[in-house]
Structures are given as structure tokens and as C-alpha cells.
């Protein structure tokens, strides 16, 4: 699955650590999602979308 998480995070001036803390996950989880090595669970994808104020489809594409 492709995602725009890194670009969206950077556009908001957030570090990986700040995003991880906001989502209550590890920084390694954020790194893995951004690099495409890990697809988040549906609940985590919803948390990411809610935090960024976007729809899941705006962040993740198959």
C-alpha cells in the first residue's frame, strides 16, 4: 500500500517522534509506515487520519 504520511507529516512541521507520541505508537512504527514496510491496522489508520484531519483515502492508496 502506498502512503503520503511522510510528506503530510513534514508539511505540518512534525518530527517522526512527535507524530508517534500523538498516535501513541513507537517512532519505529512511524518509520515503518512511512517507508512502506508496514501497513497500519485499520484502527491506527483511522487515528492517523483523524490526527491529520484527512480521510484515510487521502493518506493511503492501494
PDB file of N, CA and C in Angstrom:
ATOM      1  N   UNK A   1       0.842  -1.167   0.000  1.00  0.00           N
ATOM      2  CA  UNK A   1       0.000   0.000   0.000  1.00  0.00           C
ATOM      3  C   UNK A   1       0.897   1.244   0.000  1.00  0.00           C
ATOM      4  N   UNK A   2       0.573   2.180  -0.842  1.00  0.00           N
ATOM      5  CA  UNK A   2       1.305   3.453  -0.901  1.00  0.00           C
ATOM      6  C   UNK A   2       0.716   4.410   0.141  1.00  0.00           C
ATOM      7  N   UNK A   3       1.549   5.338   0.617  1.00  0.00           N
ATOM      8  CA  UNK A   3       1.012   6.339   1.535  1.00  0.00           C
ATOM      9  C   UNK A   3       1.752   7.663   1.411  1.00  0.00           C
ATOM     10  N   UNK A   4       1.103   8.700   1.864  1.00  0.00           N
ATOM     11  CA  UNK A   4       1.633  10.059   1.808  1.00  0.00           C
ATOM     12  C   UNK A   4       2.018  10.558   3.196  1.00  0.00           C
ATOM     13  N   UNK A   5       2.183   9.644   4.142  1.00  0.00           N
ATOM     14  CA  UNK A   5       2.376  10.038   5.529  1.00  0.00           C
ATOM     15  C   UNK A   5       3.599  10.921   5.728  1.00  0.00           C
ATOM     16  N   UNK A   6       4.712  10.576   5.134  1.00  0.00           N
ATOM     17  CA  UNK A   6       5.934  11.357   5.339  1.00  0.00           C
ATOM     18  C   UNK A   6       5.748  12.789   4.854  1.00  0.00           C
ATOM     19  N   UNK A   7       5.214  12.959   3.657  1.00  0.00           N
ATOM     20  CA  UNK A   7       5.011  14.305   3.102  1.00  0.00           C
ATOM     21  C   UNK A   7       4.014  15.093   3.944  1.00  0.00           C
ATOM     22  N   UNK A   8       2.952  14.441   4.390  1.00  0.00           N
ATOM     23  CA  UNK A   8       1.947  15.120   5.209  1.00  0.00           C
ATOM     24  C   UNK A   8       2.530  15.519   6.563  1.00  0.00           C
ATOM     25  N   UNK A   9       3.315  14.633   7.143  1.00  0.00           N
ATOM     26  CA  UNK A   9       3.957  14.932   8.431  1.00  0.00           C
ATOM     27  C   UNK A   9       4.911  16.102   8.299  1.00  0.00           C
ATOM     28  N   UNK A  10       5.745  16.064   7.269  1.00  0.00           N
ATOM     29  CA  UNK A  10       6.719  17.131   7.060  1.00  0.00           C
ATOM     30  C   UNK A  10       6.038  18.470   6.759  1.00  0.00           C
ATOM     31  N   UNK A  11       4.948  18.443   6.007  1.00  0.00           N
ATOM     32  CA  UNK A  11       4.223  19.673   5.675  1.00  0.00           C
ATOM     33  C   UNK A  11       3.659  20.331   6.933  1.00  0.00           C
ATOM     34  N   UNK A  12       3.409  19.532   7.949  1.00  0.00           N
ATOM     35  CA  UNK A  12       2.881  20.061   9.208  1.00  0.00           C
ATOM     36  C   UNK A  12       3.998  20.381  10.209  1.00  0.00           C
ATOM     37  N   UNK A  13       5.234  20.184   9.791  1.00  0.00           N
ATOM     38  CA  UNK A  13       6.373  20.505  10.649  1.00  0.00           C
ATOM     39  C   UNK A  13       6.536  19.577  11.836  1.00  0.00           C
ATOM     40  N   UNK A  14       6.090  18.340  11.686  1.00  0.00           N
ATOM     41  CA  UNK A  14       6.185  17.368  12.769  1.00  0.00           C
ATOM     42  C   UNK A  14       7.378  16.443  12.569  1.00  0.00           C
ATOM     43  N   UNK A  15       8.007  16.072  13.660  1.00  0.00           N
ATOM     44  CA  UNK A  15       9.038  15.049  13.595  1.00  0.00           C
ATOM     45  C   UNK A  15       8.361  13.681  13.680  1.00  0.00           C
ATOM     46  N   UNK A  16       9.109  12.648  13.354  1.00  0.00           N
ATOM     47  CA  UNK A  16       8.567  11.299  13.491  1.00  0.00           C
ATOM     48  C   UNK A  16       8.227  11.015  14.948  1.00  0.00           C
ATOM     49  N   UNK A  17       9.048  11.496  15.860  1.00  0.00           N
ATOM     50  CA  UNK A  17       8.804  11.282  17.288  1.00  0.00           C
ATOM     51  C   UNK A  17       7.524  11.974  17.738  1.00  0.00           C
ATOM     52  N   UNK A  18       7.305  13.205  17.288  1.00  0.00           N
ATOM     53  CA  UNK A  18       6.090  13.930  17.666  1.00  0.00           C
ATOM     54  C   UNK A  18       4.840  13.221  17.156  1.00  0.00           C
ATOM     55  N   UNK A  19       4.897  12.754  15.916  1.00  0.00           N
ATOM     56  CA  UNK A  19       3.762  12.030  15.355  1.00  0.00           C
ATOM     57  C   UNK A  19       3.533  10.731  16.126  1.00  0.00           C
ATOM     58  N   UNK A  20       4.607  10.023  16.420  1.00  0.00           N
ATOM     59  CA  UNK A  20       4.494   8.767  17.165  1.00  0.00           C
ATOM     60  C   UNK A  20       3.843   8.993  18.531  1.00  0.00           C
ATOM     61  N   UNK A  21       4.252  10.030  19.223  1.00  0.00           N
ATOM     62  CA  UNK A  21       3.677  10.325  20.535  1.00  0.00           C
ATOM     63  C   UNK A  21       2.198  10.670  20.416  1.00  0.00           C
ATOM     64  N   UNK A  22       1.836  11.438  19.395  1.00  0.00           N
ATOM     65  CA  UNK A  22       0.434  11.823  19.200  1.00  0.00           C
ATOM     66  C   UNK A  22      -0.432  10.605  18.895  1.00  0.00           C
ATOM     67  N   UNK A  23       0.145   9.625  18.201  1.00  0.00           N
ATOM     68  CA  UNK A  23      -0.600   8.421  17.814  1.00  0.00           C
ATOM     69  C   UNK A  23      -0.475   7.298  18.834  1.00  0.00           C
ATOM     70  N   UNK A  24       0.370   7.517  19.842  1.00  0.00           N
ATOM     71  CA  UNK A  24       0.633   6.512  20.873  1.00  0.00           C
ATOM     72  C   UNK A  24       1.208   5.231  20.296  1.00  0.00           C
ATOM     73  N   UNK A  25       2.188   5.402  19.403  1.00  0.00           N
ATOM     74  CA  UNK A  25       2.947   4.290  18.839  1.00  0.00           C
ATOM     75  C   UNK A  25       4.427   4.626  18.951  1.00  0.00           C
ATOM     76  N   UNK A  26       5.283   3.697  18.595  1.00  0.00           N
ATOM     77  CA  UNK A  26       6.716   3.959  18.643  1.00  0.00           C
ATOM     78  C   UNK A  26       7.155   4.733  17.396  1.00  0.00           C
ATOM     79  N   UNK A  27       8.300   5.397  17.520  1.00  0.00           N
ATOM     80  CA  UNK A  27       8.859   6.099  16.359  1.00  0.00           C
ATOM     81  C   UNK A  27       9.173   5.099  15.260  1.00  0.00           C
ATOM     82  N   UNK A  28       9.582   3.893  15.635  1.00  0.00           N
ATOM     83  CA  UNK A  28       9.881   2.856  14.651  1.00  0.00           C
ATOM     84  C   UNK A  28       8.640   2.490  13.845  1.00  0.00           C
ATOM     85  N   UNK A  29       7.480   2.515  14.466  1.00  0.00           N
ATOM     86  CA  UNK A  29       6.234   2.234  13.745  1.00  0.00           C
ATOM     87  C   UNK A  29       5.993   3.304  12.687  1.00  0.00           C
ATOM     88  N   UNK A  30       6.193   4.565  13.049  1.00  0.00           N
ATOM     89  CA  UNK A  30       6.022   5.658  12.089  1.00  0.00           C
ATOM     90  C   UNK A  30       7.012   5.498  10.938  1.00  0.00           C
ATOM     91  N   UNK A  31       8.259   5.193  11.250  1.00  0.00           N
ATOM     92  CA  UNK A  31       9.285   4.988  10.216  1.00  0.00           C
ATOM     93  C   UNK A  31       8.867   3.864   9.280  1.00  0.00           C
ATOM     94  N   UNK A  32       8.387   2.755   9.834  1.00  0.00           N
ATOM     95  CA  UNK A  32       7.991   1.599   9.024  1.00  0.00           C
ATOM     96  C   UNK A  32       6.797   1.909   8.131  1.00  0.00           C
ATOM     97  N   UNK A  33       5.830   2.668   8.650  1.00  0.00           N
ATOM     98  CA  UNK A  33       4.679   3.043   7.825  1.00  0.00           C
ATOM     99  C   UNK A  33       5.127   3.976   6.708  1.00  0.00           C
ATOM    100  N   UNK A  34       5.913   4.977   7.038  1.00  0.00           N
ATOM    101  CA  UNK A  34       6.378   5.940   6.024  1.00  0.00           C
ATOM    102  C   UNK A  34       7.163   5.264   4.910  1.00  0.00           C
ATOM    103  N   UNK A  35       7.954   4.265   5.254  1.00  0.00           N
ATOM    104  CA  UNK A  35       8.791   3.594   4.261  1.00  0.00           C
ATOM    105  C   UNK A  35       8.039   2.509   3.489  1.00  0.00           C
ATOM    106  N   UNK A  36       6.804   2.220   3.914  1.00  0.00           N
ATOM    107  CA  UNK A  36       6.013   1.210   3.228  1.00  0.00           C
ATOM    108  C   UNK A  36       6.304  -0.210   3.655  1.00  0.00           C
ATOM    109  N   UNK A  37       7.110  -0.388   4.708  1.00  0.00           N
ATOM    110  CA  UNK A  37       7.422  -1.734   5.195  1.00  0.00           C
ATOM    111  C   UNK A  37       6.313  -2.302   6.072  1.00  0.00           C
ATOM    112  N   UNK A  38       5.423  -1.435   6.522  1.00  0.00           N
ATOM    113  CA  UNK A  38       4.362  -1.852   7.430  1.00  0.00           C
ATOM    114  C   UNK A  38       3.086  -1.109   7.070  1.00  0.00           C
ATOM    115  N   UNK A  39       1.992  -1.844   6.921  1.00  0.00           N
ATOM    116  CA  UNK A  39       0.681  -1.237   6.708  1.00  0.00           C
ATOM    117  C   UNK A  39      -0.010  -1.170   8.063  1.00  0.00           C
ATOM    118  N   UNK A  40      -0.502   0.002   8.440  1.00  0.00           N
ATOM    119  CA  UNK A  40      -1.120   0.124   9.766  1.00  0.00           C
ATOM    120  C   UNK A  40      -2.431  -0.649   9.845  1.00  0.00           C
ATOM    121  N   UNK A  41      -2.777  -1.022  11.061  1.00  0.00           N
ATOM    122  CA  UNK A  41      -4.087  -1.633  11.286  1.00  0.00           C
ATOM    123  C   UNK A  41      -5.150  -0.586  10.968  1.00  0.00           C
ATOM    124  N   UNK A  42      -6.367  -1.033  10.773  1.00  0.00           N
ATOM    125  CA  UNK A  42      -7.449  -0.098  10.472  1.00  0.00           C
ATOM    126  C   UNK A  42      -7.654   0.916  11.602  1.00  0.00           C
ATOM    127  N   UNK A  43      -7.652   0.497  12.872  1.00  0.00           N
ATOM    128  CA  UNK A  43      -7.793   1.497  13.943  1.00  0.00           C
ATOM    129  C   UNK A  43      -6.668   2.536  13.929  1.00  0.00           C
ATOM    130  N   UNK A  44      -5.434   2.092  13.660  1.00  0.00           N
ATOM    131  CA  UNK A  44      -4.322   3.039  13.599  1.00  0.00           C
ATOM    132  C   UNK A  44      -4.455   3.958  12.394  1.00  0.00           C
ATOM    133  N   UNK A  45      -4.888   3.435  11.265  1.00  0.00           N
ATOM    134  CA  UNK A  45      -5.099   4.269  10.080  1.00  0.00           C
ATOM    135  C   UNK A  45      -6.143   5.340  10.365  1.00  0.00           C
ATOM    136  N   UNK A  46      -7.206   4.977  11.089  1.00  0.00           N
ATOM    137  CA  UNK A  46      -8.221   5.965  11.467  1.00  0.00           C
ATOM    138  C   UNK A  46      -7.634   7.020  12.405  1.00  0.00           C
ATOM    139  N   UNK A  47      -6.784   6.605  13.349  1.00  0.00           N
ATOM    140  CA  UNK A  47      -6.155   7.579  14.263  1.00  0.00           C
ATOM    141  C   UNK A  47      -5.270   8.544  13.497  1.00  0.00           C
ATOM    142  N   UNK A  48      -4.505   8.013  12.536  1.00  0.00           N
ATOM    143  CA  UNK A  48      -3.641   8.866  11.714  1.00  0.00           C
ATOM    144  C   UNK A  48      -4.483   9.876  10.953  1.00  0.00           C
ATOM    145  N   UNK A  49      -5.528   9.394  10.300  1.00  0.00           N
ATOM    146  CA  UNK A  49      -6.397  10.277   9.512  1.00  0.00           C
ATOM    147  C   UNK A  49      -7.042  11.335  10.399  1.00  0.00           C
ATOM    148  N   UNK A  50      -7.545  10.932  11.542  1.00  0.00           N
ATOM    149  CA  UNK A  50      -8.188  11.874  12.463  1.00  0.00           C
ATOM    150  C   UNK A  50      -7.187  12.924  12.924  1.00  0.00           C
ATOM    151  N   UNK A  51      -5.988  12.502  13.285  1.00  0.00           N
ATOM    152  CA  UNK A  51      -4.967  13.434  13.758  1.00  0.00           C
ATOM    153  C   UNK A  51      -4.605  14.451  12.674  1.00  0.00           C
ATOM    154  N   UNK A  52      -4.509  13.991  11.426  1.00  0.00           N
ATOM    155  CA  UNK A  52      -4.134  14.885  10.331  1.00  0.00           C
ATOM    156  C   UNK A  52      -5.330  15.642   9.751  1.00  0.00           C
ATOM    157  N   UNK A  53      -6.532  15.294  10.182  1.00  0.00           N
ATOM    158  CA  UNK A  53      -7.723  15.967   9.680  1.00  0.00           C
ATOM    159  C   UNK A  53      -8.053  15.610   8.238  1.00  0.00           C
ATOM    160  N   UNK A  54      -7.739  14.369   7.870  1.00  0.00           N
ATOM    161  CA  UNK A  54      -7.958  13.903   6.498  1.00  0.00           C
ATOM    162  C   UNK A  54      -8.750  12.610   6.507  1.00  0.00           C
ATOM    163  N   UNK A  55      -9.167  12.179   5.312  1.00  0.00           N
ATOM    164  CA  UNK A  55      -9.784  10.871   5.161  1.00  0.00           C
ATOM    165  C   UNK A  55      -8.670   9.846   4.950  1.00  0.00           C
ATOM    166  N   UNK A  56      -8.913   8.613   5.301  1.00  0.00           N
ATOM    167  CA  UNK A  56      -7.912   7.556   5.122  1.00  0.00           C
ATOM    168  C   UNK A  56      -7.471   7.504   3.662  1.00  0.00           C
ATOM    169  N   UNK A  57      -8.422   7.666   2.736  1.00  0.00           N
ATOM    170  CA  UNK A  57      -8.104   7.582   1.305  1.00  0.00           C
ATOM    171  C   UNK A  57      -7.156   8.698   0.859  1.00  0.00           C
ATOM    172  N   UNK A  58      -7.104   9.795   1.624  1.00  0.00           N
ATOM    173  CA  UNK A  58      -6.189  10.891   1.277  1.00  0.00           C
ATOM    174  C   UNK A  58      -4.748  10.578   1.687  1.00  0.00           C
ATOM    175  N   UNK A  59      -4.591   9.592   2.536  1.00  0.00           N
ATOM    176  CA  UNK A  59      -3.261   9.231   3.048  1.00  0.00           C
ATOM    177  C   UNK A  59      -2.764   7.930   2.435  1.00  0.00           C
ATOM    178  N   UNK A  60      -3.644   6.936   2.379  1.00  0.00           N
ATOM    179  CA  UNK A  60      -3.266   5.598   1.944  1.00  0.00           C
ATOM    180  C   UNK A  60      -3.978   5.225   0.647  1.00  0.00           C
ATOM    181  N   UNK A  61      -3.225   4.671  -0.299  1.00  0.00           N
ATOM    182  CA  UNK A  61      -3.807   4.188  -1.546  1.00  0.00           C
ATOM    183  C   UNK A  61      -3.296   2.782  -1.835  1.00  0.00           C
ATOM    184  N   UNK A  62      -4.175   1.920  -2.370  1.00  0.00           N
ATOM    185  CA  UNK A  62      -3.755   0.535  -2.651  1.00  0.00           C
ATOM    186  C   UNK A  62      -2.754   0.458  -3.798  1.00  0.00           C
TER     187      UNK A  62
END
